[in-house]
Structures are given as C-alpha cells and as structure tokens.
C-alpha cells in the first residue's frame, strides 16, 4: 500500500510541477499565436514550457505504469492529490491567495483519499 500511495503522490507532484512550469512559461511569453514564428521563437526557446512538456510526458508514462499495476478504482481518485498540490503551488510560486473555503475543500479531498486507500 505504501508503494501505491508514494507512486500516486509522485505522479501527482510531477503533474503539478509540469503544469506550474507551463504557467511560468506562458507568463514569460509575449503574444501567443499559432504561427510557426511564434512557436519557433517563443515556445521552443522557452525553458519553462519545454521542461513542463517533458515532465508531463514523464507523468503520463508513469500513469501508464500505474494503470498496468494498480486497480483503476483506487489510483484514479488518488490523482485528486494533484488538486491540493496545485493549490499549494499556486500560492508558493504565483503568490495566489487562497480563502478558507478552499482549505475546507482540500481537507475534504484528503479525507476522501484516506477513505479510498483504507
């Protein structure tokens, strides 16, 4: 059970870090358009976007491993830990404010995860 929980937490943490890097990369961009010059000049040379994409690919590979090894009815709900990590990441890296109702939501999510693995 410890391996399951640690793998799920690691996968969620990698996913959130990848998303945080994508957000950071997008904040560092000027105007975003789907043109070759924008992709070449702003996307491919943007380290936040590139590392974020690599992390998300690695996250999906780990997810495939988890789908093979663990019951779906347990691992899929455990991905909700990513919501908690995402909120904390938004606070730490982007100085976003979090209200008390969001903290209650976090406690409910964590309580749900606890019941799932029991």
PDB file of N, CA and C in Angstrom:
ATOM      1  N   UNK A   1       0.822  -1.203   0.000  1.00  0.00           N
ATOM      2  CA  UNK A   1       0.000   0.000   0.000  1.00  0.00           C
ATOM      3  C   UNK A   1       0.860   1.259   0.000  1.00  0.00           C
ATOM      4  N   UNK A   2       2.000   1.207   0.703  1.00  0.00           N
ATOM      5  CA  UNK A   2       2.885   2.373   0.747  1.00  0.00           C
ATOM      6  C   UNK A   2       3.424   2.684  -0.648  1.00  0.00           C
ATOM      7  N   UNK A   3       3.755   1.636  -1.410  1.00  0.00           N
ATOM      8  CA  UNK A   3       4.259   1.855  -2.767  1.00  0.00           C
ATOM      9  C   UNK A   3       3.192   2.508  -3.638  1.00  0.00           C
ATOM     10  N   UNK A   4       1.959   2.061  -3.501  1.00  0.00           N
ATOM     11  CA  UNK A   4       0.849   2.650  -4.254  1.00  0.00           C
ATOM     12  C   UNK A   4       0.695   4.128  -3.918  1.00  0.00           C
ATOM     13  N   UNK A   5       0.655   4.458  -2.644  1.00  0.00           N
ATOM     14  CA  UNK A   5       0.458   5.848  -2.225  1.00  0.00           C
ATOM     15  C   UNK A   5       1.632   6.710  -2.653  1.00  0.00           C
ATOM     16  N   UNK A   6       2.847   6.224  -2.477  1.00  0.00           N
ATOM     17  CA  UNK A   6       4.017   7.030  -2.854  1.00  0.00           C
ATOM     18  C   UNK A   6       4.102   7.209  -4.361  1.00  0.00           C
ATOM     19  N   UNK A   7       3.744   6.184  -5.133  1.00  0.00           N
ATOM     20  CA  UNK A   7       3.753   6.318  -6.591  1.00  0.00           C
ATOM     21  C   UNK A   7       2.697   7.316  -7.042  1.00  0.00           C
ATOM     22  N   UNK A   8       1.507   7.240  -6.468  1.00  0.00           N
ATOM     23  CA  UNK A   8       0.437   8.173  -6.820  1.00  0.00           C
ATOM     24  C   UNK A   8       0.808   9.604  -6.443  1.00  0.00           C
ATOM     25  N   UNK A   9       1.415   9.780  -5.284  1.00  0.00           N
ATOM     26  CA  UNK A   9       1.821  11.121  -4.860  1.00  0.00           C
ATOM     27  C   UNK A   9       2.917  11.668  -5.778  1.00  0.00           C
ATOM     28  N   UNK A  10       3.886  10.824  -6.121  1.00  0.00           N
ATOM     29  CA  UNK A  10       4.964  11.247  -7.009  1.00  0.00           C
ATOM     30  C   UNK A  10       4.418  11.625  -8.380  1.00  0.00           C
ATOM     31  N   UNK A  11       3.495  10.830  -8.894  1.00  0.00           N
ATOM     32  CA  UNK A  11       2.894  11.123 -10.196  1.00  0.00           C
ATOM     33  C   UNK A  11       2.129  12.443 -10.151  1.00  0.00           C
ATOM     34  N   UNK A  12       1.375  12.668  -9.082  1.00  0.00           N
ATOM     35  CA  UNK A  12       0.621  13.920  -8.941  1.00  0.00           C
ATOM     36  C   UNK A  12       1.572  15.105  -8.800  1.00  0.00           C
ATOM     37  N   UNK A  13       2.651  14.937  -8.048  1.00  0.00           N
ATOM     38  CA  UNK A  13       3.613  16.023  -7.868  1.00  0.00           C
ATOM     39  C   UNK A  13       4.292  16.374  -9.187  1.00  0.00           C
ATOM     40  N   UNK A  14       4.644  15.358  -9.967  1.00  0.00           N
ATOM     41  CA  UNK A  14       5.256  15.616 -11.280  1.00  0.00           C
ATOM     42  C   UNK A  14       4.276  16.342 -12.198  1.00  0.00           C
ATOM     43  N   UNK A  15       3.010  15.931 -12.150  1.00  0.00           N
ATOM     44  CA  UNK A  15       1.994  16.563 -12.985  1.00  0.00           C
ATOM     45  C   UNK A  15       1.829  18.036 -12.615  1.00  0.00           C
ATOM     46  N   UNK A  16       1.763  18.316 -11.327  1.00  0.00           N
ATOM     47  CA  UNK A  16       1.591  19.696 -10.874  1.00  0.00           C
ATOM     48  C   UNK A  16       2.817  20.531 -11.215  1.00  0.00           C
ATOM     49  N   UNK A  17       4.010  19.992 -11.010  1.00  0.00           N
ATOM     50  CA  UNK A  17       5.221  20.727 -11.354  1.00  0.00           C
ATOM     51  C   UNK A  17       5.258  21.029 -12.846  1.00  0.00           C
ATOM     52  N   UNK A  18       4.871  20.061 -13.663  1.00  0.00           N
ATOM     53  CA  UNK A  18       4.807  20.301 -15.105  1.00  0.00           C
ATOM     54  C   UNK A  18       3.833  21.415 -15.444  1.00  0.00           C
ATOM     55  N   UNK A  19       2.663  21.412 -14.805  1.00  0.00           N
ATOM     56  CA  UNK A  19       1.674  22.465 -15.062  1.00  0.00           C
ATOM     57  C   UNK A  19       2.153  23.829 -14.568  1.00  0.00           C
ATOM     58  N   UNK A  20       2.829  23.844 -13.412  1.00  0.00           N
ATOM     59  CA  UNK A  20       3.375  25.109 -12.907  1.00  0.00           C
ATOM     60  C   UNK A  20       4.419  25.675 -13.867  1.00  0.00           C
ATOM     61  N   UNK A  21       5.252  24.801 -14.421  1.00  0.00           N
ATOM     62  CA  UNK A  21       6.247  25.263 -15.387  1.00  0.00           C
ATOM     63  C   UNK A  21       5.597  25.752 -16.672  1.00  0.00           C
ATOM     64  N   UNK A  22       4.515  25.099 -17.100  1.00  0.00           N
ATOM     65  CA  UNK A  22       3.786  25.600 -18.267  1.00  0.00           C
ATOM     66  C   UNK A  22       3.224  26.990 -17.999  1.00  0.00           C
ATOM     67  N   UNK A  23       2.665  27.192 -16.822  1.00  0.00           N
ATOM     68  CA  UNK A  23       2.123  28.520 -16.464  1.00  0.00           C
ATOM     69  C   UNK A  23       3.242  29.550 -16.442  1.00  0.00           C
ATOM     70  N   UNK A  24       4.361  29.213 -15.826  1.00  0.00           N
ATOM     71  CA  UNK A  24       5.503  30.121 -15.786  1.00  0.00           C
ATOM     72  C   UNK A  24       5.982  30.443 -17.198  1.00  0.00           C
ATOM     73  N   UNK A  25       6.076  29.413 -18.029  1.00  0.00           N
ATOM     74  CA  UNK A  25       6.497  29.635 -19.410  1.00  0.00           C
ATOM     75  C   UNK A  25       5.536  30.528 -20.165  1.00  0.00           C
ATOM     76  N   UNK A  26       4.247  30.344 -19.961  1.00  0.00           N
ATOM     77  CA  UNK A  26       3.262  31.182 -20.657  1.00  0.00           C
ATOM     78  C   UNK A  26       3.289  32.616 -20.150  1.00  0.00           C
ATOM     79  N   UNK A  27       3.586  32.804 -18.870  1.00  0.00           N
ATOM     80  CA  UNK A  27       3.685  34.165 -18.345  1.00  0.00           C
ATOM     81  C   UNK A  27       4.870  34.906 -18.951  1.00  0.00           C
ATOM     82  N   UNK A  28       5.914  34.174 -19.312  1.00  0.00           N
ATOM     83  CA  UNK A  28       7.102  34.795 -19.884  1.00  0.00           C
ATOM     84  C   UNK A  28       6.973  35.057 -21.376  1.00  0.00           C
ATOM     85  N   UNK A  29       5.882  34.607 -21.973  1.00  0.00           N
ATOM     86  CA  UNK A  29       5.676  34.824 -23.406  1.00  0.00           C
ATOM     87  C   UNK A  29       5.011  36.168 -23.650  1.00  0.00           C
ATOM     88  N   UNK A  30       5.254  36.687 -24.827  1.00  0.00           N
ATOM     89  CA  UNK A  30       4.540  37.895 -25.257  1.00  0.00           C
ATOM     90  C   UNK A  30       3.198  37.432 -25.803  1.00  0.00           C
ATOM     91  N   UNK A  31       2.813  37.853 -26.945  1.00  0.00           N
ATOM     92  CA  UNK A  31       1.562  37.393 -27.547  1.00  0.00           C
ATOM     93  C   UNK A  31       1.723  35.959 -28.027  1.00  0.00           C
ATOM     94  N   UNK A  32       0.697  35.154 -27.832  1.00  0.00           N
ATOM     95  CA  UNK A  32       0.734  33.762 -28.257  1.00  0.00           C
ATOM     96  C   UNK A  32      -0.176  33.583 -29.458  1.00  0.00           C
ATOM     97  N   UNK A  33       0.397  33.138 -30.548  1.00  0.00           N
ATOM     98  CA  UNK A  33      -0.380  32.813 -31.745  1.00  0.00           C
ATOM     99  C   UNK A  33       0.092  31.463 -32.271  1.00  0.00           C
ATOM    100  N   UNK A  34      -0.771  30.794 -32.970  1.00  0.00           N
ATOM    101  CA  UNK A  34      -0.408  29.503 -33.546  1.00  0.00           C
ATOM    102  C   UNK A  34       0.222  29.697 -34.919  1.00  0.00           C
ATOM    103  N   UNK A  35       1.358  30.335 -34.919  1.00  0.00           N
ATOM    104  CA  UNK A  35       2.131  30.525 -36.146  1.00  0.00           C
ATOM    105  C   UNK A  35       3.508  29.909 -35.943  1.00  0.00           C
ATOM    106  N   UNK A  36       4.153  29.544 -37.058  1.00  0.00           N
ATOM    107  CA  UNK A  36       5.471  28.929 -36.960  1.00  0.00           C
ATOM    108  C   UNK A  36       6.468  29.863 -36.284  1.00  0.00           C
ATOM    109  N   UNK A  37       6.434  31.154 -36.586  1.00  0.00           N
ATOM    110  CA  UNK A  37       7.405  32.079 -35.987  1.00  0.00           C
ATOM    111  C   UNK A  37       7.194  32.192 -34.479  1.00  0.00           C
ATOM    112  N   UNK A  38       5.963  32.187 -34.022  1.00  0.00           N
ATOM    113  CA  UNK A  38       5.699  32.228 -32.578  1.00  0.00           C
ATOM    114  C   UNK A  38       6.181  30.946 -31.917  1.00  0.00           C
ATOM    115  N   UNK A  39       5.862  29.816 -32.534  1.00  0.00           N
ATOM    116  CA  UNK A  39       6.285  28.536 -31.958  1.00  0.00           C
ATOM    117  C   UNK A  39       7.806  28.446 -31.931  1.00  0.00           C
ATOM    118  N   UNK A  40       8.453  28.818 -33.022  1.00  0.00           N
ATOM    119  CA  UNK A  40       9.915  28.744 -33.104  1.00  0.00           C
ATOM    120  C   UNK A  40      10.581  29.716 -32.132  1.00  0.00           C
ATOM    121  N   UNK A  41      10.115  30.938 -32.084  1.00  0.00           N
ATOM    122  CA  UNK A  41      10.790  31.981 -31.310  1.00  0.00           C
ATOM    123  C   UNK A  41      10.398  32.021 -29.841  1.00  0.00           C
ATOM    124  N   UNK A  42       9.166  31.643 -29.526  1.00  0.00           N
ATOM    125  CA  UNK A  42       8.715  31.789 -28.146  1.00  0.00           C
ATOM    126  C   UNK A  42       8.459  30.475 -27.429  1.00  0.00           C
ATOM    127  N   UNK A  43       8.034  29.454 -28.154  1.00  0.00           N
ATOM    128  CA  UNK A  43       7.708  28.194 -27.491  1.00  0.00           C
ATOM    129  C   UNK A  43       8.943  27.315 -27.372  1.00  0.00           C
ATOM    130  N   UNK A  44       9.626  27.068 -28.464  1.00  0.00           N
ATOM    131  CA  UNK A  44      10.767  26.156 -28.452  1.00  0.00           C
ATOM    132  C   UNK A  44      11.952  26.696 -27.657  1.00  0.00           C
ATOM    133  N   UNK A  45      12.030  27.996 -27.504  1.00  0.00           N
ATOM    134  CA  UNK A  45      13.132  28.598 -26.743  1.00  0.00           C
ATOM    135  C   UNK A  45      12.740  28.944 -25.308  1.00  0.00           C
ATOM    136  N   UNK A  46      11.566  28.541 -24.905  1.00  0.00           N
ATOM    137  CA  UNK A  46      11.051  28.849 -23.573  1.00  0.00           C
ATOM    138  C   UNK A  46      11.315  27.651 -22.671  1.00  0.00           C
ATOM    139  N   UNK A  47      12.267  27.776 -21.761  1.00  0.00           N
ATOM    140  CA  UNK A  47      12.668  26.633 -20.929  1.00  0.00           C
ATOM    141  C   UNK A  47      11.526  26.138 -20.049  1.00  0.00           C
ATOM    142  N   UNK A  48      10.693  27.035 -19.550  1.00  0.00           N
ATOM    143  CA  UNK A  48       9.570  26.620 -18.703  1.00  0.00           C
ATOM    144  C   UNK A  48       8.604  25.729 -19.457  1.00  0.00           C
ATOM    145  N   UNK A  49       8.291  26.113 -20.690  1.00  0.00           N
ATOM    146  CA  UNK A  49       7.391  25.290 -21.490  1.00  0.00           C
ATOM    147  C   UNK A  49       8.032  23.953 -21.846  1.00  0.00           C
ATOM    148  N   UNK A  50       9.280  23.982 -22.243  1.00  0.00           N
ATOM    149  CA  UNK A  50       9.944  22.745 -22.663  1.00  0.00           C
ATOM    150  C   UNK A  50      10.099  21.760 -21.505  1.00  0.00           C
ATOM    151  N   UNK A  51      10.539  22.229 -20.347  1.00  0.00           N
ATOM    152  CA  UNK A  51      10.686  21.337 -19.195  1.00  0.00           C
ATOM    153  C   UNK A  51       9.307  20.873 -18.722  1.00  0.00           C
ATOM    154  N   UNK A  52       8.321  21.769 -18.768  1.00  0.00           N
ATOM    155  CA  UNK A  52       6.959  21.381 -18.392  1.00  0.00           C
ATOM    156  C   UNK A  52       6.416  20.285 -19.284  1.00  0.00           C
ATOM    157  N   UNK A  53       6.624  20.391 -20.574  1.00  0.00           N
ATOM    158  CA  UNK A  53       6.156  19.365 -21.509  1.00  0.00           C
ATOM    159  C   UNK A  53       6.870  18.035 -21.242  1.00  0.00           C
ATOM    160  N   UNK A  54       8.180  18.082 -21.017  1.00  0.00           N
ATOM    161  CA  UNK A  54       8.931  16.859 -20.723  1.00  0.00           C
ATOM    162  C   UNK A  54       8.402  16.200 -19.448  1.00  0.00           C
ATOM    163  N   UNK A  55       8.148  17.011 -18.425  1.00  0.00           N
ATOM    164  CA  UNK A  55       7.609  16.462 -17.178  1.00  0.00           C
ATOM    165  C   UNK A  55       6.232  15.840 -17.390  1.00  0.00           C
ATOM    166  N   UNK A  56       5.405  16.472 -18.196  1.00  0.00           N
ATOM    167  CA  UNK A  56       4.067  15.926 -18.422  1.00  0.00           C
ATOM    168  C   UNK A  56       4.121  14.633 -19.234  1.00  0.00           C
ATOM    169  N   UNK A  57       5.074  14.518 -20.148  1.00  0.00           N
ATOM    170  CA  UNK A  57       5.251  13.248 -20.867  1.00  0.00           C
ATOM    171  C   UNK A  57       5.684  12.164 -19.879  1.00  0.00           C
ATOM    172  N   UNK A  58       6.648  12.482 -19.007  1.00  0.00           N
ATOM    173  CA  UNK A  58       7.100  11.519 -17.992  1.00  0.00           C
ATOM    174  C   UNK A  58       5.956  11.149 -17.050  1.00  0.00           C
ATOM    175  N   UNK A  59       5.130  12.124 -16.704  1.00  0.00           N
ATOM    176  CA  UNK A  59       3.970  11.874 -15.847  1.00  0.00           C
ATOM    177  C   UNK A  59       3.021  10.874 -16.500  1.00  0.00           C
ATOM    178  N   UNK A  60       2.798  11.052 -17.785  1.00  0.00           N
ATOM    179  CA  UNK A  60       1.895  10.133 -18.487  1.00  0.00           C
ATOM    180  C   UNK A  60       2.487   8.735 -18.606  1.00  0.00           C
ATOM    181  N   UNK A  61       3.793   8.634 -18.756  1.00  0.00           N
ATOM    182  CA  UNK A  61       4.423   7.309 -18.772  1.00  0.00           C
ATOM    183  C   UNK A  61       4.262   6.622 -17.415  1.00  0.00           C
ATOM    184  N   UNK A  62       4.450   7.389 -16.341  1.00  0.00           N
ATOM    185  CA  UNK A  62       4.235   6.823 -15.007  1.00  0.00           C
ATOM    186  C   UNK A  62       2.778   6.440 -14.810  1.00  0.00           C
ATOM    187  N   UNK A  63       1.871   7.240 -15.348  1.00  0.00           N
ATOM    188  CA  UNK A  63       0.451   6.929 -15.262  1.00  0.00           C
ATOM    189  C   UNK A  63       0.150   5.605 -15.966  1.00  0.00           C
ATOM    190  N   UNK A  64       0.755   5.380 -17.124  1.00  0.00           N
ATOM    191  CA  UNK A  64       0.553   4.111 -17.830  1.00  0.00           C
ATOM    192  C   UNK A  64       1.023   2.932 -16.985  1.00  0.00           C
ATOM    193  N   UNK A  65       2.160   3.099 -16.316  1.00  0.00           N
ATOM    194  CA  UNK A  65       2.650   2.057 -15.407  1.00  0.00           C
ATOM    195  C   UNK A  65       1.630   1.806 -14.294  1.00  0.00           C
ATOM    196  N   UNK A  66       1.108   2.888 -13.730  1.00  0.00           N
ATOM    197  CA  UNK A  66       0.145   2.756 -12.641  1.00  0.00           C
ATOM    198  C   UNK A  66      -1.131   2.052 -13.117  1.00  0.00           C
ATOM    199  N   UNK A  67      -1.563   2.354 -14.342  1.00  0.00           N
ATOM    200  CA  UNK A  67      -2.746   1.682 -14.886  1.00  0.00           C
ATOM    201  C   UNK A  67      -2.522   0.184 -15.029  1.00  0.00           C
ATOM    202  N   UNK A  68      -1.313  -0.195 -15.361  1.00  0.00           N
ATOM    203  CA  UNK A  68      -0.995  -1.616 -15.530  1.00  0.00           C
ATOM    204  C   UNK A  68      -0.952  -2.355 -14.191  1.00  0.00           C
ATOM    205  N   UNK A  69      -0.431  -1.696 -13.153  1.00  0.00           N
ATOM    206  CA  UNK A  69      -0.111  -2.380 -11.902  1.00  0.00           C
ATOM    207  C   UNK A  69      -1.217  -2.290 -10.851  1.00  0.00           C
ATOM    208  N   UNK A  70      -1.919  -1.166 -10.757  1.00  0.00           N
ATOM    209  CA  UNK A  70      -2.843  -0.924  -9.653  1.00  0.00           C
ATOM    210  C   UNK A  70      -4.296  -0.885 -10.127  1.00  0.00           C
ATOM    211  N   UNK A  71      -5.239  -1.117  -9.227  1.00  0.00           N
ATOM    212  CA  UNK A  71      -6.658  -1.015  -9.592  1.00  0.00           C
ATOM    213  C   UNK A  71      -7.035   0.430  -9.944  1.00  0.00           C
ATOM    214  N   UNK A  72      -7.725   0.573 -11.063  1.00  0.00           N
ATOM    215  CA  UNK A  72      -8.129   1.901 -11.539  1.00  0.00           C
ATOM    216  C   UNK A  72      -9.009   2.614 -10.522  1.00  0.00           C
ATOM    217  N   UNK A  73      -9.875   1.858  -9.850  1.00  0.00           N
ATOM    218  CA  UNK A  73     -10.816   2.459  -8.895  1.00  0.00           C
ATOM    219  C   UNK A  73     -10.100   3.059  -7.692  1.00  0.00           C
ATOM    220  N   UNK A  74      -8.834   2.727  -7.499  1.00  0.00           N
ATOM    221  CA  UNK A  74      -8.058   3.315  -6.404  1.00  0.00           C
ATOM    222  C   UNK A  74      -7.135   4.415  -6.915  1.00  0.00           C
ATOM    223  N   UNK A  75      -6.428   4.150  -8.014  1.00  0.00           N
ATOM    224  CA  UNK A  75      -5.428   5.142  -8.447  1.00  0.00           C
ATOM    225  C   UNK A  75      -6.062   6.398  -9.032  1.00  0.00           C
ATOM    226  N   UNK A  76      -7.180   6.256  -9.729  1.00  0.00           N
ATOM    227  CA  UNK A  76      -7.753   7.459 -10.333  1.00  0.00           C
ATOM    228  C   UNK A  76      -8.201   8.471  -9.277  1.00  0.00           C
ATOM    229  N   UNK A  77      -8.920   8.075  -8.244  1.00  0.00           N
ATOM    230  CA  UNK A  77      -9.261   9.058  -7.210  1.00  0.00           C
ATOM    231  C   UNK A  77      -8.029   9.648  -6.504  1.00  0.00           C
ATOM    232  N   UNK A  78      -6.958   8.863  -6.401  1.00  0.00           N
ATOM    233  CA  UNK A  78      -5.750   9.387  -5.746  1.00  0.00           C
ATOM    234  C   UNK A  78      -5.099  10.515  -6.532  1.00  0.00           C
ATOM    235  N   UNK A  79      -5.417  10.632  -7.819  1.00  0.00           N
ATOM    236  CA  UNK A  79      -4.856  11.747  -8.586  1.00  0.00           C
ATOM    237  C   UNK A  79      -5.398  13.088  -8.088  1.00  0.00           C
ATOM    238  N   UNK A  80      -6.465  13.059  -7.296  1.00  0.00           N
ATOM    239  CA  UNK A  80      -7.010  14.312  -6.761  1.00  0.00           C
ATOM    240  C   UNK A  80      -6.042  14.994  -5.800  1.00  0.00           C
ATOM    241  N   UNK A  81      -5.021  14.278  -5.350  1.00  0.00           N
ATOM    242  CA  UNK A  81      -3.967  14.910  -4.550  1.00  0.00           C
ATOM    243  C   UNK A  81      -3.337  16.043  -5.358  1.00  0.00           C
ATOM    244  N   UNK A  82      -3.359  15.915  -6.681  1.00  0.00           N
ATOM    245  CA  UNK A  82      -2.840  16.975  -7.539  1.00  0.00           C
ATOM    246  C   UNK A  82      -3.564  18.303  -7.350  1.00  0.00           C
ATOM    247  N   UNK A  83      -4.858  18.250  -7.011  1.00  0.00           N
ATOM    248  CA  UNK A  83      -5.593  19.492  -6.749  1.00  0.00           C
ATOM    249  C   UNK A  83      -5.004  20.221  -5.542  1.00  0.00           C
ATOM    250  N   UNK A  84      -4.682  19.458  -4.533  1.00  0.00           N
ATOM    251  CA  UNK A  84      -4.102  20.034  -3.322  1.00  0.00           C
ATOM    252  C   UNK A  84      -2.729  20.609  -3.625  1.00  0.00           C
ATOM    253  N   UNK A  85      -1.895  19.823  -4.293  1.00  0.00           N
ATOM    254  CA  UNK A  85      -0.553  20.296  -4.632  1.00  0.00           C
ATOM    255  C   UNK A  85      -0.605  21.496  -5.573  1.00  0.00           C
ATOM    256  N   UNK A  86      -1.576  21.481  -6.476  1.00  0.00           N
ATOM    257  CA  UNK A  86      -1.728  22.609  -7.392  1.00  0.00           C
ATOM    258  C   UNK A  86      -2.089  23.894  -6.667  1.00  0.00           C
ATOM    259  N   UNK A  87      -2.967  23.787  -5.694  1.00  0.00           N
ATOM    260  CA  UNK A  87      -3.329  24.971  -4.917  1.00  0.00           C
ATOM    261  C   UNK A  87      -2.133  25.489  -4.131  1.00  0.00           C
ATOM    262  N   UNK A  88      -1.388  24.578  -3.514  1.00  0.00           N
ATOM    263  CA  UNK A  88      -0.198  24.993  -2.774  1.00  0.00           C
ATOM    264  C   UNK A  88       0.851  25.582  -3.708  1.00  0.00           C
ATOM    265  N   UNK A  89       1.000  25.000  -4.892  1.00  0.00           N
ATOM    266  CA  UNK A  89       1.942  25.536  -5.870  1.00  0.00           C
ATOM    267  C   UNK A  89       1.558  26.931  -6.340  1.00  0.00           C
ATOM    268  N   UNK A  90       0.262  27.151  -6.547  1.00  0.00           N
ATOM    269  CA  UNK A  90      -0.201  28.486  -6.930  1.00  0.00           C
ATOM    270  C   UNK A  90       0.092  29.516  -5.859  1.00  0.00           C
ATOM    271  N   UNK A  91      -0.042  29.101  -4.611  1.00  0.00           N
ATOM    272  CA  UNK A  91       0.267  30.009  -3.503  1.00  0.00           C
ATOM    273  C   UNK A  91       1.767  30.313  -3.446  1.00  0.00           C
ATOM    274  N   UNK A  92       2.582  29.269  -3.551  1.00  0.00           N
ATOM    275  CA  UNK A  92       4.026  29.431  -3.368  1.00  0.00           C
ATOM    276  C   UNK A  92       4.692  30.124  -4.550  1.00  0.00           C
ATOM    277  N   UNK A  93       4.350  29.726  -5.771  1.00  0.00           N
ATOM    278  CA  UNK A  93       5.079  30.216  -6.935  1.00  0.00           C
ATOM    279  C   UNK A  93       4.465  31.458  -7.563  1.00  0.00           C
ATOM    280  N   UNK A  94       3.146  31.616  -7.444  1.00  0.00           N
ATOM    281  CA  UNK A  94       2.486  32.742  -8.094  1.00  0.00           C
ATOM    282  C   UNK A  94       1.815  33.679  -7.104  1.00  0.00           C
ATOM    283  N   UNK A  95       2.014  33.427  -5.819  1.00  0.00           N
ATOM    284  CA  UNK A  95       1.505  34.279  -4.739  1.00  0.00           C
ATOM    285  C   UNK A  95      -0.004  34.490  -4.848  1.00  0.00           C
ATOM    286  N   UNK A  96      -0.710  33.420  -5.206  1.00  0.00           N
ATOM    287  CA  UNK A  96      -2.153  33.492  -5.292  1.00  0.00           C
ATOM    288  C   UNK A  96      -2.748  33.362  -3.895  1.00  0.00           C
ATOM    289  N   UNK A  97      -3.840  34.050  -3.674  1.00  0.00           N
ATOM    290  CA  UNK A  97      -4.473  33.963  -2.359  1.00  0.00           C
ATOM    291  C   UNK A  97      -5.459  32.801  -2.344  1.00  0.00           C
ATOM    292  N   UNK A  98      -5.571  32.168  -1.186  1.00  0.00           N
ATOM    293  CA  UNK A  98      -6.465  31.028  -1.006  1.00  0.00           C
ATOM    294  C   UNK A  98      -7.371  31.339   0.177  1.00  0.00           C
ATOM    295  N   UNK A  99      -8.671  31.214  -0.044  1.00  0.00           N
ATOM    296  CA  UNK A  99      -9.637  31.527   1.010  1.00  0.00           C
ATOM    297  C   UNK A  99      -9.952  30.280   1.826  1.00  0.00           C
ATOM    298  N   UNK A 100     -10.600  30.472   2.949  1.00  0.00           N
ATOM    299  CA  UNK A 100     -10.842  29.377   3.886  1.00  0.00           C
ATOM    300  C   UNK A 100     -11.696  28.267   3.281  1.00  0.00           C
ATOM    301  N   UNK A 101     -12.606  28.610   2.362  1.00  0.00           N
ATOM    302  CA  UNK A 101     -13.430  27.568   1.747  1.00  0.00           C
ATOM    303  C   UNK A 101     -12.579  26.632   0.889  1.00  0.00           C
ATOM    304  N   UNK A 102     -11.515  27.158   0.303  1.00  0.00           N
ATOM    305  CA  UNK A 102     -10.617  26.302  -0.462  1.00  0.00           C
ATOM    306  C   UNK A 102      -9.877  25.329   0.461  1.00  0.00           C
ATOM    307  N   UNK A 103      -9.506  25.809   1.647  1.00  0.00           N
ATOM    308  CA  UNK A 103      -8.849  24.919   2.613  1.00  0.00           C
ATOM    309  C   UNK A 103      -9.789  23.805   3.061  1.00  0.00           C
ATOM    310  N   UNK A 104     -11.070  24.139   3.228  1.00  0.00           N
ATOM    311  CA  UNK A 104     -12.050  23.106   3.577  1.00  0.00           C
ATOM    312  C   UNK A 104     -12.133  22.078   2.445  1.00  0.00           C
ATOM    313  N   UNK A 105     -12.132  22.557   1.205  1.00  0.00           N
ATOM    314  CA  UNK A 105     -12.134  21.648   0.063  1.00  0.00           C
ATOM    315  C   UNK A 105     -10.925  20.733   0.061  1.00  0.00           C
ATOM    316  N   UNK A 106      -9.759  21.278   0.407  1.00  0.00           N
ATOM    317  CA  UNK A 106      -8.534  20.477   0.481  1.00  0.00           C
ATOM    318  C   UNK A 106      -8.680  19.396   1.546  1.00  0.00           C
ATOM    319  N   UNK A 107      -9.208  19.753   2.696  1.00  0.00           N
ATOM    320  CA  UNK A 107      -9.403  18.759   3.752  1.00  0.00           C
ATOM    321  C   UNK A 107     -10.372  17.663   3.316  1.00  0.00           C
ATOM    322  N   UNK A 108     -11.419  18.036   2.599  1.00  0.00           N
ATOM    323  CA  UNK A 108     -12.371  17.033   2.111  1.00  0.00           C
ATOM    324  C   UNK A 108     -11.716  16.105   1.086  1.00  0.00           C
ATOM    325  N   UNK A 109     -10.904  16.673   0.208  1.00  0.00           N
ATOM    326  CA  UNK A 109     -10.201  15.854  -0.786  1.00  0.00           C
ATOM    327  C   UNK A 109      -9.259  14.876  -0.100  1.00  0.00           C
ATOM    328  N   UNK A 110      -8.495  15.380   0.857  1.00  0.00           N
ATOM    329  CA  UNK A 110      -7.547  14.500   1.559  1.00  0.00           C
ATOM    330  C   UNK A 110      -8.287  13.433   2.361  1.00  0.00           C
ATOM    331  N   UNK A 111      -9.415  13.793   2.956  1.00  0.00           N
ATOM    332  CA  UNK A 111     -10.218  12.803   3.674  1.00  0.00           C
ATOM    333  C   UNK A 111     -10.737  11.729   2.719  1.00  0.00           C
ATOM    334  N   UNK A 112     -11.166  12.142   1.542  1.00  0.00           N
ATOM    335  CA  UNK A 112     -11.620  11.182   0.556  1.00  0.00           C
ATOM    336  C   UNK A 112     -10.516  10.238   0.123  1.00  0.00           C
ATOM    337  N   UNK A 113      -9.320  10.763  -0.070  1.00  0.00           N
ATOM    338  CA  UNK A 113      -8.185   9.909  -0.435  1.00  0.00           C
ATOM    339  C   UNK A 113      -7.883   8.912   0.676  1.00  0.00           C
ATOM    340  N   UNK A 114      -7.989   9.355   1.910  1.00  0.00           N
ATOM    341  CA  UNK A 114      -7.729   8.464   3.051  1.00  0.00           C
ATOM    342  C   UNK A 114      -8.713   7.294   3.042  1.00  0.00           C
ATOM    343  N   UNK A 115     -10.009   7.610   2.791  1.00  0.00           N
ATOM    344  CA  UNK A 115     -11.023   6.554   2.762  1.00  0.00           C
ATOM    345  C   UNK A 115     -10.799   5.600   1.587  1.00  0.00           C
ATOM    346  N   UNK A 116     -10.313   6.105   0.475  1.00  0.00           N
ATOM    347  CA  UNK A 116     -10.104   5.259  -0.702  1.00  0.00           C
ATOM    348  C   UNK A 116      -9.021   4.219  -0.463  1.00  0.00           C
ATOM    349  N   UNK A 117      -7.940   4.612   0.185  1.00  0.00           N
ATOM    350  CA  UNK A 117      -6.840   3.663   0.381  1.00  0.00           C
ATOM    351  C   UNK A 117      -7.049   2.761   1.592  1.00  0.00           C
ATOM    352  N   UNK A 118      -8.030   3.028   2.416  1.00  0.00           N
ATOM    353  CA  UNK A 118      -8.317   2.169   3.583  1.00  0.00           C
ATOM    354  C   UNK A 118      -8.967   0.887   3.179  1.00  0.00           C
TER     355      UNK A 118
END
